[in-house]
Protein backbone atom coordinates (compact mmCIF):
# COMPACT_ATOMS: atom_id res chain seq x y z
CA UNK A 1 -8.62 -27.57 19.70
CA UNK A 2 -6.52 -29.86 17.92
CA UNK A 3 -5.50 -29.50 13.86
CA UNK A 4 -2.78 -30.02 11.76
CA UNK A 5 -1.91 -28.13 8.55
CA UNK A 6 0.68 -28.00 5.83
CA UNK A 7 3.65 -25.75 7.43
CA UNK A 8 4.29 -23.05 4.47
CA UNK A 9 0.47 -21.98 4.23
CA UNK A 10 0.29 -21.91 8.35
CA UNK A 11 3.57 -19.47 8.21
CA UNK A 12 2.46 -17.59 5.44
CA UNK A 13 -1.24 -16.73 7.36
CA UNK A 14 0.82 -16.20 10.76
CA UNK A 15 3.02 -13.53 8.67
CA UNK A 16 0.18 -11.77 7.12
CA UNK A 17 -2.68 -11.62 10.47
CA UNK A 18 0.48 -10.42 12.39
CA UNK A 19 0.96 -7.29 10.45
CA UNK A 20 -2.80 -5.94 12.19
CA UNK A 21 -0.82 -7.16 16.17
CA UNK A 22 -0.58 -3.69 18.34
CA UNK A 23 3.19 -3.52 19.30
CA UNK A 24 2.58 -2.05 22.47
CA UNK A 25 -0.95 -3.29 23.56
CA UNK A 26 -3.04 -2.19 26.17
CA UNK A 27 -3.92 -5.41 27.04
CA UNK A 28 -2.42 -8.49 26.65
CA UNK A 29 -5.28 -10.16 24.48
CA UNK A 30 -4.01 -7.37 22.06
CA UNK A 31 -0.79 -9.53 21.11
CA UNK A 32 -2.17 -12.39 20.27
CA UNK A 33 -3.65 -14.55 17.51
CA UNK A 34 -7.40 -16.04 17.96
CA UNK A 35 -7.45 -19.70 16.75
CA UNK A 36 -10.83 -20.62 15.86
CA UNK A 37 -10.90 -24.38 14.70
CA UNK A 38 -14.05 -25.45 13.08
CA UNK A 39 -15.28 -27.84 9.86
CA UNK A 40 -12.25 -28.23 8.45
CA UNK A 41 -11.19 -24.25 8.21
CA UNK A 42 -9.01 -22.40 10.51
CA UNK A 43 -9.54 -18.56 11.33
CA UNK A 44 -6.74 -16.43 12.35
CA UNK A 45 -7.76 -12.97 13.93
CA UNK A 46 -5.73 -10.23 15.07
CA UNK A 47 -6.52 -6.73 16.18
CA UNK A 48 -4.94 -3.60 17.44
CA UNK A 49 -8.23 -1.93 17.51
CA UNK A 50 -7.55 0.27 14.94
CA UNK A 51 -6.79 -2.39 12.49
CA UNK A 52 -8.39 -6.15 12.25
CA UNK A 53 -7.35 -9.00 10.11
CA UNK A 54 -9.40 -12.73 9.69
CA UNK A 55 -7.84 -15.17 7.60
CA UNK A 56 -9.42 -18.15 6.73
CA UNK A 57 -7.14 -21.29 5.92
CA UNK A 58 -7.97 -25.00 5.29
CA UNK A 59 -6.88 -27.60 7.98
CA UNK A 60 -7.33 -31.10 9.08
CA UNK A 61 -9.60 -30.26 12.23
CA UNK A 62 -9.74 -32.73 14.37
CA UNK A 63 -10.78 -31.45 17.25
CA UNK A 64 -12.83 -28.18 17.46
CA UNK A 65 -12.16 -24.77 19.49
CA UNK A 66 -10.64 -22.26 20.17
CA UNK A 67 -6.97 -20.75 21.87
CA UNK A 68 -5.46 -17.27 21.96
CA UNK A 69 -1.83 -17.58 21.33
CA UNK A 70 0.84 -15.03 21.64
CA UNK A 71 1.09 -13.95 17.71
CA UNK A 72 4.57 -12.80 17.27
CA UNK A 73 6.21 -15.70 18.93
CA UNK A 74 3.79 -18.53 17.18
CA UNK A 75 4.82 -16.99 13.81
CA UNK A 76 8.75 -16.93 14.47
CA UNK A 77 8.35 -20.63 15.71
CA UNK A 78 6.47 -21.90 12.61
CA UNK A 79 8.72 -19.53 10.01
CA UNK A 80 11.79 -21.36 11.98
CA UNK A 81 10.23 -25.68 11.14
CA UNK A 82 11.28 -27.51 8.15
CA UNK A 83 8.85 -27.98 5.58
CA UNK A 84 6.59 -31.06 7.50
CA UNK A 85 2.67 -31.14 8.24
CA UNK A 86 2.77 -28.56 11.61
CA UNK A 87 -0.01 -30.17 14.64
CA UNK A 88 -1.04 -28.15 17.27
CA UNK A 89 -3.25 -28.59 20.27
CA UNK A 90 -5.24 -26.05 23.03
CA UNK A 91 -4.98 -28.43 26.06
CA UNK A 92 -5.21 -26.85 29.91
CA UNK A 93 -4.43 -23.43 28.61
CA UNK A 94 -1.41 -24.18 26.51
CA UNK A 95 -0.78 -25.20 22.99
CA UNK A 96 1.62 -27.86 22.12
CA UNK A 97 3.47 -27.24 18.48
CA UNK A 98 4.69 -30.16 17.44
CA UNK A 99 6.65 -30.63 13.61
CA UNK A 100 8.85 -33.02 12.69
CA UNK A 101 11.12 -33.44 15.55
CA UNK A 102 10.35 -30.41 17.55
CA UNK A 103 7.74 -30.12 20.37
CA UNK A 104 7.19 -26.43 22.24
CA UNK A 105 4.36 -25.15 24.08
CA UNK A 106 2.92 -21.41 24.37
CA UNK A 107 1.06 -20.29 27.55
CA UNK A 108 -2.34 -18.96 25.84
CA UNK A 109 -3.87 -15.84 27.00
CA UNK A 110 -7.92 -15.63 28.02
CA UNK A 111 -9.75 -16.11 24.72
CA UNK A 112 -12.48 -13.99 26.79
CA UNK A 113 -10.32 -10.98 26.38
CA UNK A 114 -10.16 -11.01 22.68
CA UNK A 115 -12.34 -8.12 21.26
CA UNK A 116 -15.39 -9.21 19.09
CA UNK A 117 -14.74 -8.82 15.33
CA UNK A 118 -17.61 -7.51 13.17
CA UNK A 119 -18.59 -8.99 10.02
CA UNK A 120 -18.28 -6.79 7.37
CA UNK A 121 -21.42 -4.43 6.43
CA UNK A 122 -22.43 -1.11 4.57
CA UNK A 123 -22.20 -0.05 0.89
CA UNK A 124 -20.29 -2.97 -1.36
CA UNK A 125 -18.03 -2.60 -4.25
CA UNK A 126 -16.84 -5.39 -6.23
CA UNK A 127 -13.48 -4.46 -8.28
CA UNK A 128 -10.89 -6.92 -9.44
CA UNK A 129 -8.60 -7.88 -6.81
CA UNK A 130 -5.56 -7.27 -9.31
CA UNK A 131 -6.46 -3.82 -10.60
CA UNK A 132 -7.06 -2.50 -6.97
CA UNK A 133 -3.79 -4.11 -6.50
CA UNK A 134 -1.80 -2.23 -8.28
CA UNK A 135 -4.18 0.79 -7.92
CA UNK A 136 -3.05 0.94 -3.77
CA UNK A 137 0.50 0.30 -5.21
CA UNK A 138 0.39 3.40 -7.60
CA UNK A 139 -1.66 6.02 -4.76
CA UNK A 140 -0.11 4.66 -1.41
CA UNK A 141 3.53 5.74 -1.97
CA UNK A 142 2.07 9.27 -2.46
CA UNK A 143 0.80 9.26 0.83
CA UNK A 144 2.55 11.72 4.36
CA UNK A 145 4.60 9.83 6.65
CA UNK A 146 4.14 12.56 9.38
CA UNK A 147 1.68 11.45 11.60
CA UNK A 148 1.41 15.36 12.82
CA UNK A 149 -1.10 15.72 9.42
CA UNK A 150 -3.13 12.80 9.93
CA UNK A 151 -5.15 13.55 7.26
CA UNK A 152 -2.58 12.86 4.63
CA UNK A 153 -1.32 9.83 6.13
CA UNK A 154 -4.65 7.99 4.49
CA UNK A 155 -5.79 6.85 1.33
CA UNK A 156 -9.06 8.39 -0.04
CA UNK A 157 -11.70 6.30 -1.45
CA UNK A 158 -14.01 8.22 -3.58
CA UNK A 159 -17.32 5.68 -4.28
CA UNK A 160 -19.95 5.85 -7.06
CA UNK A 161 -21.94 3.48 -9.11
CA UNK A 162 -19.17 3.56 -12.10
CA UNK A 163 -16.16 3.28 -9.99
CA UNK A 164 -13.75 3.89 -7.24
CA UNK A 165 -10.99 6.63 -7.14
CA UNK A 166 -8.15 6.60 -5.29
CA UNK A 167 -6.19 9.72 -3.78
CA UNK A 168 -2.98 10.21 -1.87
CA UNK A 169 -1.11 13.30 -1.43
CA UNK A 170 1.59 14.22 0.90
CA UNK A 171 1.06 18.10 -0.04
CA UNK A 172 4.60 17.78 -2.60
CA UNK A 173 2.82 15.08 -3.99
CA UNK A 174 -0.18 13.61 -5.81
CA UNK A 175 -1.42 10.51 -7.17
CA UNK A 176 -4.58 9.45 -8.32
CA UNK A 177 -5.92 6.40 -9.74
CA UNK A 178 -9.42 5.41 -11.04
CA UNK A 179 -10.50 2.00 -10.83
CA UNK A 180 -13.69 0.22 -12.71
CA UNK A 181 -15.98 -1.39 -10.31
CA UNK A 182 -19.70 -2.44 -9.71
CA UNK A 183 -20.92 -0.55 -6.14
CA UNK A 184 -24.36 -0.60 -4.57
CA UNK A 185 -24.05 3.01 -4.12
CA UNK A 186 -22.17 6.52 -3.52
CA UNK A 187 -19.67 6.52 -0.64
CA UNK A 188 -16.17 8.52 0.76
CA UNK A 189 -13.79 6.96 3.13
CA UNK A 190 -10.22 8.08 4.13
CA UNK A 191 -7.93 4.98 5.20
CA UNK A 192 -4.84 4.72 6.68
CA UNK A 193 -2.17 3.77 3.96
CA UNK A 194 -1.01 0.83 6.65
CA UNK A 195 -4.45 -0.98 5.96
CA UNK A 196 -4.15 -0.19 2.13
CA UNK A 197 -1.08 -1.49 1.91
CA UNK A 198 -1.88 -5.25 3.57
CA UNK A 199 -5.01 -5.03 1.30
CA UNK A 200 -2.56 -4.68 -1.85
CA UNK A 201 -0.13 -7.94 -0.93
CA UNK A 202 -3.79 -9.78 -0.22
CA UNK A 203 -5.98 -8.61 -3.66
CA UNK A 204 -1.69 -9.35 -5.52
CA UNK A 205 -1.99 -12.95 -4.95
CA UNK A 206 -5.39 -13.34 -6.33
CA UNK A 207 -4.84 -12.70 -9.88
CA UNK A 208 -7.96 -13.48 -12.00
CA UNK A 209 -10.70 -13.14 -8.14
CA UNK A 210 -12.74 -10.59 -7.53
CA UNK A 211 -11.97 -8.06 -4.21
CA UNK A 212 -14.39 -6.48 -2.07
CA UNK A 213 -14.81 -3.31 -0.31
CA UNK A 214 -17.65 -2.55 2.22
CA UNK A 215 -18.18 0.92 3.55
CA UNK A 216 -19.52 2.44 7.00
CA UNK A 217 -19.41 5.30 8.83
CA UNK A 218 -16.59 4.88 10.86
CA UNK A 219 -14.60 1.72 9.16
CA UNK A 220 -14.03 0.11 5.99
CA UNK A 221 -13.86 -3.36 5.13
CA UNK A 222 -12.34 -5.51 3.08
CA UNK A 223 -12.15 -9.17 1.70
CA UNK A 224 -9.24 -10.60 -0.20
CA UNK A 225 -9.40 -13.97 -1.17
CA UNK A 226 -9.38 -15.90 2.44
CA UNK A 227 -8.43 -11.91 3.79
CA UNK A 228 -10.73 -9.92 5.74
CA UNK A 229 -8.94 -6.41 6.84
CA UNK A 230 -11.63 -3.61 9.07
CA UNK A 231 -10.05 -0.70 9.65
CA UNK A 232 -11.42 2.75 11.24
CA UNK A 233 -12.03 5.02 9.12
CA UNK A 234 -9.31 8.93 9.23
CA UNK A 235 -11.51 11.46 10.67
CA UNK A 236 -11.33 14.82 9.10
CA UNK A 237 -11.86 16.86 5.45
CA UNK A 238 -9.34 15.41 2.63
CA UNK A 239 -7.98 18.52 0.51
CA UNK A 240 -10.06 19.25 -2.49
CA UNK A 241 -7.99 17.70 -5.03
CA UNK A 242 -9.61 18.36 -8.11
CA UNK A 243 -8.55 21.84 -8.66
CA UNK A 244 -5.13 20.78 -8.26
CA UNK A 245 -5.61 18.35 -11.91
CA UNK A 246 -4.70 20.68 -15.06
CA UNK A 247 -7.25 19.99 -18.19
CA UNK A 248 -4.48 20.30 -20.48
CA UNK A 249 -0.40 21.17 -20.74
CA UNK A 250 1.42 22.28 -23.74
CA UNK A 251 5.03 21.11 -23.16
CA UNK A 252 4.67 16.94 -23.46
CA UNK A 253 7.71 14.61 -23.16
CA UNK A 254 7.28 11.18 -24.59
CA UNK A 255 10.02 8.98 -23.21
CA UNK A 256 11.45 5.39 -22.40
CA UNK A 257 10.18 5.18 -19.07
CA UNK A 258 12.74 2.63 -18.08
CA UNK A 259 15.68 5.48 -19.56
CA UNK A 260 14.34 7.95 -17.64
CA UNK A 261 14.20 6.20 -14.39
CA UNK A 262 17.79 5.21 -14.61
CA UNK A 263 18.58 8.66 -15.36
CA UNK A 264 17.11 10.34 -12.88
CA UNK A 265 18.67 7.74 -10.36
CA UNK A 266 21.46 8.65 -11.63
CA UNK A 267 22.45 12.02 -11.80
CA UNK A 268 19.94 12.25 -8.56
CA UNK A 269 23.08 10.81 -6.55
CA UNK A 270 24.57 13.82 -6.45
CA UNK A 271 21.56 15.50 -5.06
CA UNK A 272 21.57 15.75 -1.51
CA UNK A 273 19.42 16.70 1.05
CA UNK A 274 17.36 19.52 -0.53
CA UNK A 275 18.72 19.63 -3.68
CA UNK A 276 16.71 19.16 -6.78
CA UNK A 277 17.68 17.42 -10.20
CA UNK A 278 17.12 20.15 -13.03
CA UNK A 279 15.40 18.48 -16.02
CA UNK A 280 15.89 20.71 -19.36
CA UNK A 281 13.59 20.25 -22.00
CA UNK A 282 14.28 20.89 -25.61
CA UNK A 283 13.74 19.58 -29.00
CA UNK A 284 16.40 16.33 -28.54
CA UNK A 285 14.36 15.55 -25.16
CA UNK A 286 16.11 16.57 -22.06
CA UNK A 287 18.82 17.04 -20.00
CA UNK A 288 19.40 16.11 -16.67
CA UNK A 289 21.95 17.41 -14.07
CA UNK A 290 22.53 18.37 -10.61
CA UNK A 291 25.44 19.57 -8.41
CA UNK A 292 27.10 19.66 -4.63
CA UNK A 293 29.09 22.23 -3.29
CA UNK A 294 30.25 18.98 -1.45
CA UNK A 295 30.44 16.47 -3.66
CA UNK A 296 30.33 17.63 -7.08
CA UNK A 297 27.72 17.27 -9.92
CA UNK A 298 26.42 14.80 -12.73
CA UNK A 299 24.66 15.43 -16.09
CA UNK A 300 22.92 12.97 -18.38
CA UNK A 301 20.68 13.64 -21.59
CA UNK A 302 17.75 11.28 -22.69
CA UNK A 303 16.71 11.12 -26.01
CA UNK A 304 12.94 12.12 -26.57
CA UNK A 305 10.10 13.59 -28.13
CA UNK A 306 9.40 16.76 -26.91
CA UNK A 307 6.32 18.73 -27.86
CA UNK A 308 6.43 22.38 -26.96
CA UNK A 309 8.34 25.55 -24.93
CA UNK A 310 12.21 25.05 -24.39
CA UNK A 311 12.04 25.36 -20.56
CA UNK A 312 13.82 24.27 -17.20
CA UNK A 313 12.18 22.93 -14.14
CA UNK A 314 13.77 20.86 -11.17
CA UNK A 315 12.04 18.39 -9.02
CA UNK A 316 13.15 16.31 -5.71
CA UNK A 317 14.85 13.02 -7.55
CA UNK A 318 13.14 10.33 -5.38
CA UNK A 319 9.61 12.04 -5.79
CA UNK A 320 9.93 12.02 -9.57
CA UNK A 321 11.03 7.81 -9.54
CA UNK A 322 7.93 7.07 -7.79
CA UNK A 323 5.85 8.42 -9.92
CA UNK A 324 8.00 7.36 -12.88
CA UNK A 325 8.17 3.74 -11.09
CA UNK A 326 3.99 3.74 -10.50
CA UNK A 327 3.19 4.80 -14.51
CA UNK A 328 2.46 1.45 -16.05
CA UNK A 329 4.01 0.80 -19.70
CA UNK A 330 7.12 0.99 -21.55
CA UNK A 331 6.87 4.79 -22.42
CA UNK A 332 6.21 7.16 -20.40
CA UNK A 333 4.81 11.17 -20.34
CA UNK A 334 6.02 14.08 -18.23
CA UNK A 335 3.58 17.51 -18.68
CA UNK A 336 5.32 20.17 -17.66
CA UNK A 337 3.84 24.22 -18.04
CA UNK A 338 6.52 26.13 -16.68
CA UNK A 339 9.42 25.73 -13.49
CA UNK A 340 6.35 26.67 -10.89
CA UNK A 341 3.59 24.73 -11.80
CA UNK A 342 2.86 20.98 -10.86
CA UNK A 343 4.66 18.50 -13.34
CA UNK A 344 1.78 15.46 -14.50
CA UNK A 345 3.27 11.95 -15.25
CA UNK A 346 0.77 9.57 -17.03
CA UNK A 347 1.64 5.87 -17.98
CA UNK A 348 -0.51 3.93 -20.40
CA UNK A 349 -4.07 5.14 -20.46
CA UNK A 350 -5.95 7.94 -18.25
CA UNK A 351 -6.36 5.91 -15.23
CA UNK A 352 -3.41 6.76 -13.47
CA UNK A 353 -1.91 10.49 -12.76
CA UNK A 354 0.70 11.58 -10.81
CA UNK A 355 1.73 15.01 -9.64
CA UNK A 356 5.25 16.22 -8.44
CA UNK A 357 5.83 19.83 -7.36
CA UNK A 358 8.59 21.28 -8.65
CA UNK A 359 11.29 22.99 -6.43
CA UNK A 360 12.07 26.77 -7.41
CA UNK A 361 15.61 27.15 -8.26
CA UNK A 362 17.61 30.49 -7.11
CA UNK A 363 17.02 33.38 -9.73
CA UNK A 364 20.59 33.89 -11.91
CA UNK A 365 22.86 36.63 -10.39
CA UNK A 366 23.44 39.35 -12.41
């Protein structure tokens, strides 16, 4: 195998696929990136047996062949190079890498030990790549990081002939995004958040293109631009999120999204550990406050339009900021029922909904 490629393109490709490399591989081959050169194309492949990535890259192939090279070492090596063409040649079980005045060799791993990766199959869904990237970024932030509850670490994909619904929750907040899509049928898939976030990275670079999803019984595959990513599904039943979505709220605040984000962040600086930010809604807008016995307190008012009865609710500031950041548009709607029911955050349109559970305030003394 022998090829020449652009340094930036090669480095970016290696950085992308190495995220599917196992941190503690059970077999040495899982620490490698499989390089397959044929025609005028190089295919880079990695897997940790849970997630696999394949990326196509245009190169100048001088000699076709296959080599399994230590992924992270090769990625770090190419990233350190100056801007110049990179030549790679495999011979005698070693990969020779040349760039400018640099020449190095890496001992190859046995290519026959690398697991065979299947082509995508199953129920096919086509969706605009930019919308998929936006939807994943809005929803994935609500997925749990607690591995003790694996079902909540994933993002639910509900696929129908009308579109795709993305859902995630960590039991403290819930994010739902509807996507317009073309599907061959109906399916459900609970996908690890880690895998979807990698899909979003690839899809975000293809502003006008189309992404494809292929859902099978035990795995899902995504094809966005030159990247094909396959992931095992999380087994288990996702919570019935639809029963949490309210039909309507009588109390609604419409405010500048950026002003509200800044205010929550500033006031939230003094909300330590389990301390919430308190929001007091009235005809003038909303008054935010927080206090800590050890640090002090903060108050800030945001002028806004409020419809409904005066009320007070408290929320985790980080969860509130996450929801406000995920919403799209200059204005944001914050809908509340009382201090005990979830608040709903919406931006432009109805495609995205974010629910944040309130923090119960202590009852006043006396």
